[in-house]
């Protein structure tokens, strides 16, 4: 019997965590029960991008996009769609307003506004099956370069304008050229998959959904610089990526696409995995090299740069996952094609992990130069619950916060730098009106301080001192001179820290001081958090005109601070309240209010 339907099930990390395996199990049971095993092909793919909609299933040839599935929904899809040909409308995607959007994936705004190069195969192929990668032009680029000279390959990458997608944006072809020309009988290629930014999952998704694209990119880099050995440095927190990488490496070796005399040529290249323990600093290239060698992951003074003296003291090219995933496409389609996408100085596309206060959280890939507004509102679907957009954090702990007035800024390396932030690896955290920007700065600085390797004094001591000041401010104990001290410390750290991570650690503080200084001043002068977010500066109060006495708030209060009888107005004992917010979250009548603690104290005093 021929295959009549192909079902793609997203098996990325987000969908698996939301129950994909249970959905797949029921689907297979129902297919077997209805004798559809031969006519329906089920494929587990990598991340489809729309992570907040998982588990996701797409049924072809119709292209119907089913979302937020539960195990029992799989039975309904088999009974209605596969047996009767009826689309199950209750399982279709619904926009922010609740309205059912077009049923096909290819018609949904989240997908139609993207241009996929690095993520071209995600959600389309089985990452465990090398044949599916090959069927989508996989390893064709490797065959092409093996018939060309290394110099031609480097020139093609230079002409493409590809810049490193790990954050710094250094021209990839130039890095390869430096390494090729560096003296040395042995050279190495390292794939940096140590993705440590909070809210970032771009590299993980590519490794999970299309591991062969990274392997092929590494081999092409190896051929170009004269290397025969590569390392993929991936953090231990990515077990799914590690499993699929190991499988892909084994398959490539069996097919003669990795190892000795690749494709019957004199070029040999092998790849080893190195599992990192999760230290953020190991994302910095010299610290990564130390870790690969089995040493403590700490940065080393540059120069010499890795292109001259890298792993084992040999010339080394280090590229991140996304950079390498672009390489095969550039070779197959040509440098001119790639350079035609993006802006004058930032070519191609960029993958972002959209997270935070956004309707369509997930993985997106757009041409360089796409505006923040288009990414957040057209693709991301805007802000949930009718809230106002306040800021977006790019570049993770090394980046900065961009306010609403710059929503029409094109996203490229130069434009973001002018605003006091960076592209980074691609994290993009969206914030709404309920977000306290002082606390955001404190959160990211806390992360950087905790992850500091401690080797240099400016980063080790400076970030801690800045954190102490921010802690005082969010507790309502700050002074105006603290703001001058924050800026002075931040600029000193930027100028004197040993590595790029330390030098950029103050960026969240500097950018929020620049664009949201009024919030800092409100915390200090008025002892008030404008976003009503900082626990020390807020209190919870029950509105007697809205309370219906349902007792829901009293039931969830962990310290018994709420009193009141059924159907009568409840009260919160401010002395007992620990400000956990449970009552606020559970109240269905909007009776529990967040108020400024300073105002509440004044009211109590006046009474």
Protein backbone atom coordinates (compact mmCIF):
# COMPACT_ATOMS: atom_id res chain seq x y z
CA UNK A 1 0.00 0.00 0.00
CA UNK A 2 1.36 3.44 -0.92
CA UNK A 3 1.77 6.24 1.61
CA UNK A 4 -1.24 8.58 1.49
CA UNK A 5 -0.37 10.81 4.43
CA UNK A 6 2.86 11.96 6.05
CA UNK A 7 2.65 13.26 9.58
CA UNK A 8 5.44 15.45 10.93
CA UNK A 9 5.58 15.61 14.72
CA UNK A 10 7.81 18.21 16.33
CA UNK A 11 10.31 16.46 18.60
CA UNK A 12 12.29 19.53 19.61
CA UNK A 13 13.05 20.09 23.25
CA UNK A 14 10.01 22.33 23.88
CA UNK A 15 7.50 19.93 22.32
CA UNK A 16 8.99 16.91 24.09
CA UNK A 17 8.71 18.72 27.43
CA UNK A 18 5.05 19.48 26.74
CA UNK A 19 4.10 15.87 26.03
CA UNK A 20 5.05 15.04 22.42
CA UNK A 21 6.02 11.46 23.20
CA UNK A 22 2.61 10.64 24.68
CA UNK A 23 0.87 12.13 21.64
CA UNK A 24 3.06 10.11 19.29
CA UNK A 25 2.45 6.93 21.26
CA UNK A 26 -1.35 7.28 21.02
CA UNK A 27 -1.10 8.22 17.34
CA UNK A 28 0.83 5.05 16.54
CA UNK A 29 -1.62 2.93 18.54
CA UNK A 30 -4.57 4.39 16.64
CA UNK A 31 -2.87 3.94 13.27
CA UNK A 32 -2.25 0.29 14.08
CA UNK A 33 -5.80 -0.20 15.35
CA UNK A 34 -7.22 1.21 12.10
CA UNK A 35 -4.77 -0.62 9.77
CA UNK A 36 -3.20 2.66 8.63
CA UNK A 37 0.41 1.85 9.43
CA UNK A 38 1.34 1.31 5.78
CA UNK A 39 -0.54 4.29 4.37
CA UNK A 40 0.53 6.87 6.98
CA UNK A 41 4.18 7.76 7.56
CA UNK A 42 5.04 9.32 10.91
CA UNK A 43 8.24 11.40 11.17
CA UNK A 44 9.68 12.95 14.31
CA UNK A 45 11.37 16.18 13.30
CA UNK A 46 13.38 18.86 15.02
CA UNK A 47 12.02 22.15 16.33
CA UNK A 48 9.38 23.71 14.07
CA UNK A 49 9.92 27.10 15.67
CA UNK A 50 6.56 27.87 17.28
CA UNK A 51 7.61 26.56 20.68
CA UNK A 52 4.66 27.89 22.68
CA UNK A 53 2.22 25.85 20.56
CA UNK A 54 3.62 22.40 21.26
CA UNK A 55 3.05 19.56 20.89
CA UNK A 56 2.69 20.27 17.16
CA UNK A 57 1.66 17.97 14.31
CA UNK A 58 1.45 18.73 10.57
CA UNK A 59 -0.51 16.39 8.30
CA UNK A 60 0.45 16.29 4.62
CA UNK A 61 -0.46 16.51 1.75
CA UNK A 62 -3.00 18.99 3.15
CA UNK A 63 -0.38 20.75 5.27
CA UNK A 64 -2.79 21.05 8.20
CA UNK A 65 -1.14 22.54 11.29
CA UNK A 66 -2.42 21.10 14.58
CA UNK A 67 -1.24 22.63 17.86
CA UNK A 68 -1.24 22.20 21.65
CA UNK A 69 -2.14 18.56 21.28
CA UNK A 70 -3.05 16.16 24.04
CA UNK A 71 -2.85 12.36 23.70
CA UNK A 72 -6.61 12.06 23.14
CA UNK A 73 -6.36 14.56 20.26
CA UNK A 74 -4.27 12.06 18.30
CA UNK A 75 -7.22 9.65 18.28
CA UNK A 76 -9.50 12.40 17.00
CA UNK A 77 -7.08 13.26 14.17
CA UNK A 78 -6.97 9.63 13.06
CA UNK A 79 -10.75 9.19 13.19
CA UNK A 80 -11.71 12.50 11.57
CA UNK A 81 -8.84 13.63 9.38
CA UNK A 82 -7.17 10.41 8.23
CA UNK A 83 -10.27 8.21 7.94
CA UNK A 84 -12.97 10.73 6.98
CA UNK A 85 -10.93 13.51 5.41
CA UNK A 86 -12.33 16.14 7.80
CA UNK A 87 -10.03 18.77 9.29
CA UNK A 88 -10.36 18.92 13.08
CA UNK A 89 -11.00 22.65 13.43
CA UNK A 90 -10.88 22.64 17.23
CA UNK A 91 -7.18 21.75 17.08
CA UNK A 92 -6.15 24.41 14.56
CA UNK A 93 -3.98 27.38 15.45
CA UNK A 94 -5.74 30.36 16.97
CA UNK A 95 -4.32 33.87 16.95
CA UNK A 96 -4.05 36.19 19.97
CA UNK A 97 -7.75 37.13 19.62
CA UNK A 98 -8.83 33.47 19.68
CA UNK A 99 -9.80 33.48 16.01
CA UNK A 100 -8.85 30.38 14.00
CA UNK A 101 -6.08 31.28 11.55
CA UNK A 102 -5.40 29.55 8.17
CA UNK A 103 -5.09 25.82 8.68
CA UNK A 104 -1.86 25.34 6.68
CA UNK A 105 1.56 26.03 8.16
CA UNK A 106 2.62 27.79 4.96
CA UNK A 107 -0.16 30.35 5.48
CA UNK A 108 0.50 31.25 9.11
CA UNK A 109 2.12 34.70 9.63
CA UNK A 110 4.67 33.25 12.05
CA UNK A 111 6.14 31.21 9.20
CA UNK A 112 5.40 33.31 6.09
CA UNK A 113 7.44 36.28 7.34
CA UNK A 114 10.60 34.21 7.84
CA UNK A 115 13.50 33.41 5.49
CA UNK A 116 15.17 30.17 6.53
CA UNK A 117 18.78 29.34 5.74
CA UNK A 118 20.46 28.09 8.91
CA UNK A 119 17.16 26.55 10.05
CA UNK A 120 16.11 25.38 6.56
CA UNK A 121 15.61 21.74 7.53
CA UNK A 122 14.22 22.17 11.03
CA UNK A 123 10.78 20.66 11.35
CA UNK A 124 11.00 19.12 7.87
CA UNK A 125 13.39 16.19 8.13
CA UNK A 126 14.06 13.33 10.52
CA UNK A 127 17.31 14.33 12.30
CA UNK A 128 18.11 10.65 12.87
CA UNK A 129 18.01 9.83 9.15
CA UNK A 130 21.00 10.90 7.05
CA UNK A 131 19.11 10.04 3.86
CA UNK A 132 16.62 12.81 4.51
CA UNK A 133 19.45 15.31 4.91
CA UNK A 134 21.04 14.13 1.68
CA UNK A 135 17.68 14.34 -0.12
CA UNK A 136 17.63 18.04 0.81
CA UNK A 137 20.99 18.79 -0.85
CA UNK A 138 22.97 17.49 2.11
CA UNK A 139 26.71 16.94 1.58
CA UNK A 140 26.45 18.29 -2.00
CA UNK A 141 28.44 21.34 -0.87
CA UNK A 142 31.14 19.11 0.60
CA UNK A 143 31.44 17.25 -2.71
CA UNK A 144 31.68 20.58 -4.53
CA UNK A 145 34.48 21.99 -2.38
CA UNK A 146 36.50 18.77 -2.60
CA UNK A 147 36.62 19.39 -6.37
CA UNK A 148 37.79 22.97 -5.77
CA UNK A 149 40.78 24.57 -4.07
CA UNK A 150 40.78 25.65 -0.41
CA UNK A 151 41.55 29.17 -1.60
CA UNK A 152 38.36 29.19 -3.71
CA UNK A 153 36.31 28.11 -0.69
CA UNK A 154 37.73 30.85 1.51
CA UNK A 155 37.18 33.47 -1.19
CA UNK A 156 33.57 32.34 -1.63
CA UNK A 157 32.89 32.69 2.09
CA UNK A 158 34.56 36.11 2.11
CA UNK A 159 32.47 37.27 -0.84
CA UNK A 160 29.28 36.07 0.86
CA UNK A 161 29.81 38.56 3.69
CA UNK A 162 29.01 35.93 6.34
CA UNK A 163 29.92 37.16 9.82
CA UNK A 164 30.19 35.07 12.95
CA UNK A 165 26.78 34.45 14.46
CA UNK A 166 28.12 33.85 17.95
CA UNK A 167 27.97 37.52 18.86
CA UNK A 168 31.11 39.34 17.82
CA UNK A 169 30.26 39.36 14.12
CA UNK A 170 33.82 38.87 12.85
CA UNK A 171 33.99 38.05 9.09
CA UNK A 172 34.05 34.24 8.81
CA UNK A 173 36.05 34.06 5.58
CA UNK A 174 38.73 36.34 7.01
CA UNK A 175 39.02 34.15 10.12
CA UNK A 176 39.45 31.08 7.90
CA UNK A 177 42.07 32.87 5.79
CA UNK A 178 44.10 33.87 8.85
CA UNK A 179 44.07 30.29 10.11
CA UNK A 180 45.03 28.79 6.74
CA UNK A 181 47.98 31.16 6.43
CA UNK A 182 49.14 30.57 10.01
CA UNK A 183 52.23 28.31 10.17
CA UNK A 184 51.62 24.87 11.62
CA UNK A 185 51.52 21.24 10.54
CA UNK A 186 48.28 20.61 12.47
CA UNK A 187 45.17 22.76 12.58
CA UNK A 188 41.77 22.38 14.19
CA UNK A 189 38.13 23.35 13.74
CA UNK A 190 35.94 23.90 16.79
CA UNK A 191 32.18 24.27 16.78
CA UNK A 192 31.15 26.42 19.73
CA UNK A 193 27.82 24.98 20.89
CA UNK A 194 28.16 26.27 24.46
CA UNK A 195 24.99 28.32 24.31
CA UNK A 196 24.68 29.85 27.75
CA UNK A 197 22.58 33.03 27.42
CA UNK A 198 19.32 32.96 29.42
CA UNK A 199 16.43 32.55 27.00
CA UNK A 200 18.62 31.38 24.10
CA UNK A 201 17.96 28.08 22.31
CA UNK A 202 19.01 28.72 18.69
CA UNK A 203 22.08 26.48 18.59
CA UNK A 204 20.39 23.73 20.58
CA UNK A 205 17.51 23.63 18.10
CA UNK A 206 19.81 23.36 15.07
CA UNK A 207 21.85 20.58 16.69
CA UNK A 208 18.68 18.69 17.62
CA UNK A 209 16.91 19.17 14.30
CA UNK A 210 19.66 19.25 11.67
CA UNK A 211 22.99 17.96 13.07
CA UNK A 212 24.39 17.04 9.64
CA UNK A 213 24.36 20.69 8.52
CA UNK A 214 26.84 21.50 11.29
CA UNK A 215 28.99 18.47 10.51
CA UNK A 216 29.12 19.39 6.82
CA UNK A 217 29.95 23.00 7.68
CA UNK A 218 32.83 21.86 9.90
CA UNK A 219 34.22 19.61 7.19
CA UNK A 220 34.18 22.45 4.66
CA UNK A 221 35.95 24.68 7.18
CA UNK A 222 38.49 21.91 7.79
CA UNK A 223 39.18 21.54 4.08
CA UNK A 224 39.55 25.30 3.69
CA UNK A 225 42.09 25.81 6.49
CA UNK A 226 43.98 22.53 6.10
CA UNK A 227 42.60 20.75 9.16
CA UNK A 228 41.81 17.07 9.64
CA UNK A 229 40.23 17.17 13.09
CA UNK A 230 37.34 19.01 14.69
CA UNK A 231 35.68 19.31 18.09
CA UNK A 232 32.07 20.13 18.87
CA UNK A 233 31.96 21.72 22.31
CA UNK A 234 28.41 21.26 23.58
CA UNK A 235 27.06 21.73 27.08
CA UNK A 236 25.90 18.72 29.10
CA UNK A 237 22.46 20.33 29.56
CA UNK A 238 21.73 19.46 25.92
CA UNK A 239 21.34 15.64 26.10
CA UNK A 240 19.04 15.49 23.06
CA UNK A 241 21.52 17.44 20.95
CA UNK A 242 24.35 15.19 22.13
CA UNK A 243 22.38 12.05 21.28
CA UNK A 244 21.51 13.27 17.77
CA UNK A 245 25.04 14.52 17.12
CA UNK A 246 26.54 11.18 18.07
CA UNK A 247 24.08 9.42 15.78
CA UNK A 248 24.80 11.82 12.91
CA UNK A 249 28.57 11.40 13.28
CA UNK A 250 28.20 7.59 13.19
CA UNK A 251 25.96 7.75 10.11
CA UNK A 252 28.30 10.11 8.27
CA UNK A 253 31.20 7.75 8.91
CA UNK A 254 29.23 4.75 7.62
CA UNK A 255 28.42 6.65 4.43
CA UNK A 256 32.05 7.64 3.86
CA UNK A 257 31.20 11.30 4.45
CA UNK A 258 33.35 11.62 7.55
CA UNK A 259 36.62 9.98 8.50
CA UNK A 260 39.35 8.76 6.17
CA UNK A 261 39.45 9.56 2.44
CA UNK A 262 36.07 11.27 2.32
CA UNK A 263 34.19 10.66 -0.96
CA UNK A 264 37.23 8.73 -2.22
CA UNK A 265 39.51 11.77 -2.05
CA UNK A 266 42.70 12.35 -0.11
CA UNK A 267 40.85 14.59 2.35
CA UNK A 268 40.26 13.12 5.80
CA UNK A 269 38.40 14.73 8.67
CA UNK A 270 37.11 13.45 11.98
CA UNK A 271 34.97 15.02 14.71
CA UNK A 272 34.89 14.49 18.48
CA UNK A 273 32.37 15.78 20.98
CA UNK A 274 33.55 17.61 24.06
CA UNK A 275 30.90 17.93 26.78
CA UNK A 276 31.03 21.15 28.79
CA UNK A 277 29.88 21.39 32.39
CA UNK A 278 27.75 24.47 31.77
CA UNK A 279 30.09 27.33 32.73
CA UNK A 280 28.93 30.48 30.93
CA UNK A 281 32.50 31.71 30.52
CA UNK A 282 33.32 28.69 28.34
CA UNK A 283 31.36 30.38 25.56
CA UNK A 284 34.37 32.73 25.30
CA UNK A 285 36.70 31.19 22.73
CA UNK A 286 39.94 31.09 24.76
CA UNK A 287 38.16 29.69 27.83
CA UNK A 288 36.50 27.12 25.56
CA UNK A 289 39.91 26.05 24.27
CA UNK A 290 41.15 25.62 27.82
CA UNK A 291 38.16 23.40 28.60
CA UNK A 292 38.64 21.32 25.44
CA UNK A 293 42.20 20.65 26.59
CA UNK A 294 40.93 19.42 29.95
CA UNK A 295 41.95 22.55 31.86
CA UNK A 296 39.82 24.91 33.92
CA UNK A 297 37.77 27.08 31.59
CA UNK A 298 39.27 30.54 32.00
CA UNK A 299 39.99 33.21 29.37
CA UNK A 300 43.52 33.81 28.15
CA UNK A 301 44.96 37.16 27.15
CA UNK A 302 44.81 37.88 23.40
CA UNK A 303 46.89 38.11 21.21
CA UNK A 304 47.85 35.50 20.18
CA UNK A 305 44.41 34.75 18.76
CA UNK A 306 43.16 31.17 18.24
CA UNK A 307 43.87 31.52 14.50
CA UNK A 308 47.57 31.63 15.44
CA UNK A 309 47.62 29.62 18.65
CA UNK A 310 44.50 27.72 19.63
CA UNK A 311 43.77 24.23 20.91
CA UNK A 312 46.94 22.31 21.77
CA UNK A 313 48.82 25.45 20.73
CA UNK A 314 47.87 24.92 17.07
CA UNK A 315 46.04 27.30 14.69
CA UNK A 316 42.31 26.90 15.29
CA UNK A 317 39.09 28.16 13.73
CA UNK A 318 36.19 28.57 16.15
CA UNK A 319 32.72 29.11 14.69
CA UNK A 320 29.37 28.77 16.40
CA UNK A 321 26.57 26.41 15.33
CA UNK A 322 24.57 28.90 13.29
CA UNK A 323 27.63 30.13 11.39
CA UNK A 324 28.53 26.59 10.35
CA UNK A 325 24.93 25.73 9.39
CA UNK A 326 25.04 28.56 6.84
CA UNK A 327 28.18 27.28 5.09
CA UNK A 328 26.69 24.44 2.97
CA UNK A 329 23.95 26.73 1.61
CA UNK A 330 26.46 29.43 0.67
CA UNK A 331 28.53 26.90 -1.25
CA UNK A 332 25.49 25.38 -2.98
CA UNK A 333 23.73 28.62 -3.90
CA UNK A 334 26.72 30.91 -4.26
CA UNK A 335 28.19 33.86 -2.39
CA UNK A 336 26.29 36.39 -4.50
CA UNK A 337 22.95 34.82 -3.58
CA UNK A 338 23.72 34.97 0.16
CA UNK A 339 25.12 38.51 -0.09
CA UNK A 340 21.89 39.67 -1.76
CA UNK A 341 20.07 39.06 1.55
CA UNK A 342 20.40 41.45 4.47
CA UNK A 343 22.10 44.85 4.64
CA UNK A 344 25.28 46.32 3.22
CA UNK A 345 27.43 45.32 6.19
CA UNK A 346 25.32 42.52 7.68
CA UNK A 347 24.62 39.83 5.09
CA UNK A 348 22.26 36.88 5.20
CA UNK A 349 19.78 36.02 7.92
CA UNK A 350 19.86 35.78 11.70
CA UNK A 351 18.16 33.25 13.96
CA UNK A 352 16.54 34.62 17.11
CA UNK A 353 14.98 32.94 20.13
CA UNK A 354 11.90 35.02 20.88
CA UNK A 355 10.87 34.70 24.51
CA UNK A 356 9.37 36.66 27.37
CA UNK A 357 6.11 38.63 27.10
CA UNK A 358 5.29 37.63 23.53
CA UNK A 359 2.33 35.79 21.99
CA UNK A 360 4.37 33.65 19.56
CA UNK A 361 7.41 32.53 21.52
CA UNK A 362 9.87 30.42 19.58
CA UNK A 363 12.61 30.25 17.02
CA UNK A 364 12.57 32.70 14.10
CA UNK A 365 14.97 33.40 11.23
CA UNK A 366 14.78 36.70 9.37
CA UNK A 367 16.95 38.68 6.96
CA UNK A 368 19.42 41.03 8.59
CA UNK A 369 17.92 44.51 8.65
CA UNK A 370 14.43 43.34 9.60
CA UNK A 371 13.00 45.79 12.10
CA UNK A 372 12.34 44.96 15.72
CA UNK A 373 8.70 45.91 15.15
CA UNK A 374 8.28 43.29 12.42
CA UNK A 375 9.95 40.58 14.50
CA UNK A 376 7.99 41.32 17.68
CA UNK A 377 4.57 42.25 16.29
CA UNK A 378 4.23 40.68 12.81
CA UNK A 379 6.06 37.41 13.52
CA UNK A 380 5.89 37.34 17.32
CA UNK A 381 2.23 38.33 17.37
CA UNK A 382 2.69 41.19 19.81
CA UNK A 383 2.27 41.38 23.56
CA UNK A 384 -0.21 39.10 25.42
CA UNK A 385 -3.23 40.25 27.41
CA UNK A 386 -3.43 43.68 25.80
CA UNK A 387 -0.34 44.90 27.64
CA UNK A 388 1.97 47.56 26.22
CA UNK A 389 5.41 46.78 24.82
CA UNK A 390 8.12 48.27 27.02
CA UNK A 391 11.52 46.97 25.92
CA UNK A 392 13.40 44.11 24.32
CA UNK A 393 16.66 42.67 25.58
CA UNK A 394 19.07 41.48 22.88
CA UNK A 395 22.40 39.78 23.36
CA UNK A 396 21.66 38.15 26.69
CA UNK A 397 23.74 39.17 29.73
CA UNK A 398 26.19 40.88 27.35
CA UNK A 399 23.50 42.93 25.63
CA UNK A 400 21.20 45.78 26.46
CA UNK A 401 17.56 46.80 26.61
CA UNK A 402 15.96 48.69 23.72
CA UNK A 403 12.88 50.85 24.50
CA UNK A 404 9.70 51.23 22.44
CA UNK A 405 10.89 54.40 20.69
CA UNK A 406 13.42 52.32 18.73
CA UNK A 407 11.04 49.59 17.54
CA UNK A 408 11.67 50.56 13.91
CA UNK A 409 15.41 49.98 14.23
CA UNK A 410 16.74 47.47 11.67
CA UNK A 411 18.34 44.52 13.39
CA UNK A 412 21.95 44.33 12.26
CA UNK A 413 25.33 44.50 13.96
CA UNK A 414 25.91 48.22 13.50
CA UNK A 415 22.41 49.45 14.40
CA UNK A 416 22.27 47.50 17.66
CA UNK A 417 25.74 48.66 18.68
CA UNK A 418 24.63 52.29 18.24
CA UNK A 419 21.80 51.65 20.70
CA UNK A 420 24.16 50.29 23.34
CA UNK A 421 23.44 46.62 22.88
CA UNK A 422 24.71 43.76 20.71
CA UNK A 423 23.36 41.07 18.41
CA UNK A 424 24.83 38.38 20.59
CA UNK A 425 24.03 34.79 19.70
CA UNK A 426 20.38 35.68 19.13
CA UNK A 427 18.47 35.81 22.38
CA UNK A 428 15.58 38.28 22.25
CA UNK A 429 13.60 38.71 25.47
CA UNK A 430 10.46 40.86 25.16
CA UNK A 431 9.19 42.85 28.14
CA UNK A 432 5.84 44.50 28.79
CA UNK A 433 4.64 47.33 31.03
CA UNK A 434 4.73 45.11 34.12
CA UNK A 435 8.50 44.62 33.83
CA UNK A 436 10.78 46.58 36.15
CA UNK A 437 13.85 47.62 34.17
CA UNK A 438 15.95 48.07 37.30
CA UNK A 439 15.21 44.49 38.27
CA UNK A 440 15.97 43.32 34.73
CA UNK A 441 19.40 44.93 34.95
CA UNK A 442 19.89 43.33 38.36
CA UNK A 443 18.85 39.90 37.05
CA UNK A 444 21.33 39.90 34.17
CA UNK A 445 24.13 41.32 36.30
CA UNK A 446 23.43 38.65 38.92
CA UNK A 447 23.88 36.05 36.19
CA UNK A 448 27.17 37.58 35.01
CA UNK A 449 28.51 37.90 38.56
CA UNK A 450 27.61 34.30 39.38
CA UNK A 451 29.19 33.05 36.15
CA UNK A 452 32.39 35.12 36.41
CA UNK A 453 35.40 32.83 36.32
CA UNK A 454 37.09 35.10 38.87
CA UNK A 455 40.38 35.39 36.99
CA UNK A 456 40.39 39.18 36.63
CA UNK A 457 39.61 41.67 39.41
CA UNK A 458 37.40 44.07 37.40
CA UNK A 459 34.89 41.33 36.57
CA UNK A 460 35.17 39.36 39.80
CA UNK A 461 34.91 42.32 42.18
CA UNK A 462 33.36 44.99 39.96
CA UNK A 463 30.21 43.07 39.04
CA UNK A 464 29.69 42.12 42.69
CA UNK A 465 29.96 45.75 43.74
CA UNK A 466 27.49 46.80 41.06
CA UNK A 467 25.14 44.04 42.17
CA UNK A 468 25.25 45.26 45.78
CA UNK A 469 24.17 48.72 44.61
CA UNK A 470 21.32 47.33 42.48
CA UNK A 471 20.14 45.15 45.36
CA UNK A 472 19.91 48.26 47.54
CA UNK A 473 17.98 50.15 44.89
CA UNK A 474 15.32 47.46 44.32
CA UNK A 475 14.87 47.25 48.10
CA UNK A 476 14.19 51.00 48.29
CA UNK A 477 17.47 51.72 50.10
CA UNK A 478 19.36 53.38 47.27
CA UNK A 479 20.81 56.88 47.08
CA UNK A 480 21.13 59.16 44.05
CA UNK A 481 24.92 58.98 44.20
CA UNK A 482 24.56 55.23 43.61
CA UNK A 483 23.70 55.96 39.98
CA UNK A 484 26.98 57.79 39.42
CA UNK A 485 28.85 54.95 41.10
CA UNK A 486 27.07 52.37 38.89
CA UNK A 487 28.11 54.20 35.74
CA UNK A 488 31.68 54.66 36.91
CA UNK A 489 32.04 50.99 37.81
CA UNK A 490 30.39 49.86 34.56
CA UNK A 491 32.72 51.93 32.37
CA UNK A 492 35.78 50.80 34.33
CA UNK A 493 34.85 47.13 33.93
CA UNK A 494 34.26 47.62 30.20
CA UNK A 495 37.73 49.11 29.82
CA UNK A 496 39.70 46.73 32.04
CA UNK A 497 38.10 43.24 32.15
CA UNK A 498 40.17 40.46 30.63
CA UNK A 499 37.65 38.91 28.22
CA UNK A 500 34.68 39.94 26.12
CA UNK A 501 32.19 38.50 28.60
CA UNK A 502 33.51 40.65 31.43
CA UNK A 503 33.78 43.71 29.20
CA UNK A 504 30.13 43.45 28.15
CA UNK A 505 28.67 42.42 31.54
CA UNK A 506 27.75 46.05 32.44
CA UNK A 507 25.72 46.55 29.22
CA UNK A 508 22.29 45.77 30.76
CA UNK A 509 22.93 48.33 33.49
CA UNK A 510 24.26 51.00 31.15
CA UNK A 511 21.41 50.62 28.67
CA UNK A 512 18.69 50.75 31.34
CA UNK A 513 20.34 53.76 32.96
CA UNK A 514 20.33 55.43 29.55
CA UNK A 515 16.74 54.69 28.55
CA UNK A 516 14.96 54.10 31.87
CA UNK A 517 16.74 56.38 34.32
CA UNK A 518 13.39 57.64 35.59
CA UNK A 519 12.67 54.16 36.97
CA UNK A 520 15.93 54.16 38.91
CA UNK A 521 15.09 57.57 40.31
CA UNK A 522 11.57 56.47 41.31
CA UNK A 523 13.05 53.55 43.26
CA UNK A 524 15.46 55.91 45.05
CA UNK A 525 13.54 59.16 45.51
CA UNK A 526 9.99 57.88 45.90
CA UNK A 527 10.70 54.37 47.22
CA UNK A 528 8.35 53.20 44.47
CA UNK A 529 8.60 50.63 41.66
CA UNK A 530 6.67 52.03 38.67
CA UNK A 531 6.08 48.53 37.31
CA UNK A 532 4.96 47.31 40.72
CA UNK A 533 7.35 44.40 40.44
CA UNK A 534 10.00 44.81 43.16
CA UNK A 535 8.77 42.88 46.19
CA UNK A 536 10.20 45.25 48.80
CA UNK A 537 8.36 48.23 47.31
CA UNK A 538 4.87 46.76 46.77
CA UNK A 539 2.04 45.38 48.84
CA UNK A 540 -1.16 43.48 48.10
CA UNK A 541 -4.51 44.91 49.04
CA UNK A 542 -8.08 43.65 48.53
CA UNK A 543 -10.53 46.04 46.93
CA UNK A 544 -13.73 45.83 49.05
CA UNK A 545 -15.83 46.91 46.08
CA UNK A 546 -14.63 44.00 43.96
CA UNK A 547 -14.24 41.19 46.49
CA UNK A 548 -17.10 38.65 46.42
CA UNK A 549 -15.80 36.51 49.27
CA UNK A 550 -15.05 33.44 47.18
CA UNK A 551 -12.21 32.49 49.62
CA UNK A 552 -9.86 31.51 46.75
CA UNK A 553 -7.19 33.94 47.95
CA UNK A 554 -7.34 32.72 51.54
CA UNK A 555 -7.01 29.09 50.43
CA UNK A 556 -3.76 29.67 48.52
CA UNK A 557 -2.09 32.02 51.01
CA UNK A 558 0.83 29.98 52.43
CA UNK A 559 1.08 31.99 55.67
CA UNK A 560 -2.59 32.54 56.56
CA UNK A 561 -2.38 36.29 56.06
CA UNK A 562 -5.88 36.56 54.52
CA UNK A 563 -9.00 36.47 56.63
CA UNK A 564 -12.70 36.72 55.83
CA UNK A 565 -15.89 34.68 55.69
CA UNK A 566 -17.59 33.21 52.64
CA UNK A 567 -19.37 35.90 50.57
CA UNK A 568 -17.88 38.65 52.70
CA UNK A 569 -15.01 41.00 51.97
CA UNK A 570 -11.59 39.58 52.81
CA UNK A 571 -8.60 41.42 54.25
CA UNK A 572 -4.82 40.95 54.07
CA UNK A 573 -2.75 41.23 57.24
CA UNK A 574 0.24 43.26 56.03
CA UNK A 575 2.39 42.12 58.96
CA UNK A 576 1.99 38.46 57.97
CA UNK A 577 2.00 38.89 54.16
CA UNK A 578 5.20 37.64 52.48
CA UNK A 579 4.23 39.16 49.10
CA UNK A 580 4.34 35.85 47.24
CA UNK A 581 1.60 37.01 44.86
CA UNK A 582 -0.43 33.80 45.05
CA UNK A 583 -3.61 35.70 45.97
CA UNK A 584 -3.11 38.10 43.06
CA UNK A 585 -2.69 35.27 40.58
CA UNK A 586 -5.71 33.23 41.75
CA UNK A 587 -8.27 36.03 42.05
CA UNK A 588 -10.77 35.85 39.18
CA UNK A 589 -12.51 39.11 40.08
CA UNK A 590 -9.51 41.47 39.94
CA UNK A 591 -10.12 42.24 43.61
CA UNK A 592 -6.51 41.76 44.74
CA UNK A 593 -4.48 44.82 43.80
CA UNK A 594 -0.77 45.56 43.71
CA UNK A 595 -0.14 48.89 45.42
CA UNK A 596 2.92 50.93 46.33
CA UNK A 597 4.02 49.89 49.80
CA UNK A 598 4.88 53.47 50.68
CA UNK A 599 1.33 54.62 49.90
CA UNK A 600 -0.20 51.80 51.91
CA UNK A 601 1.91 52.73 54.93
CA UNK A 602 0.78 56.36 54.63
CA UNK A 603 -2.86 55.26 54.50
CA UNK A 604 -2.47 53.10 57.57
CA UNK A 605 -0.73 55.94 59.40
CA UNK A 606 -3.47 58.43 58.49
CA UNK A 607 -6.17 56.03 59.70
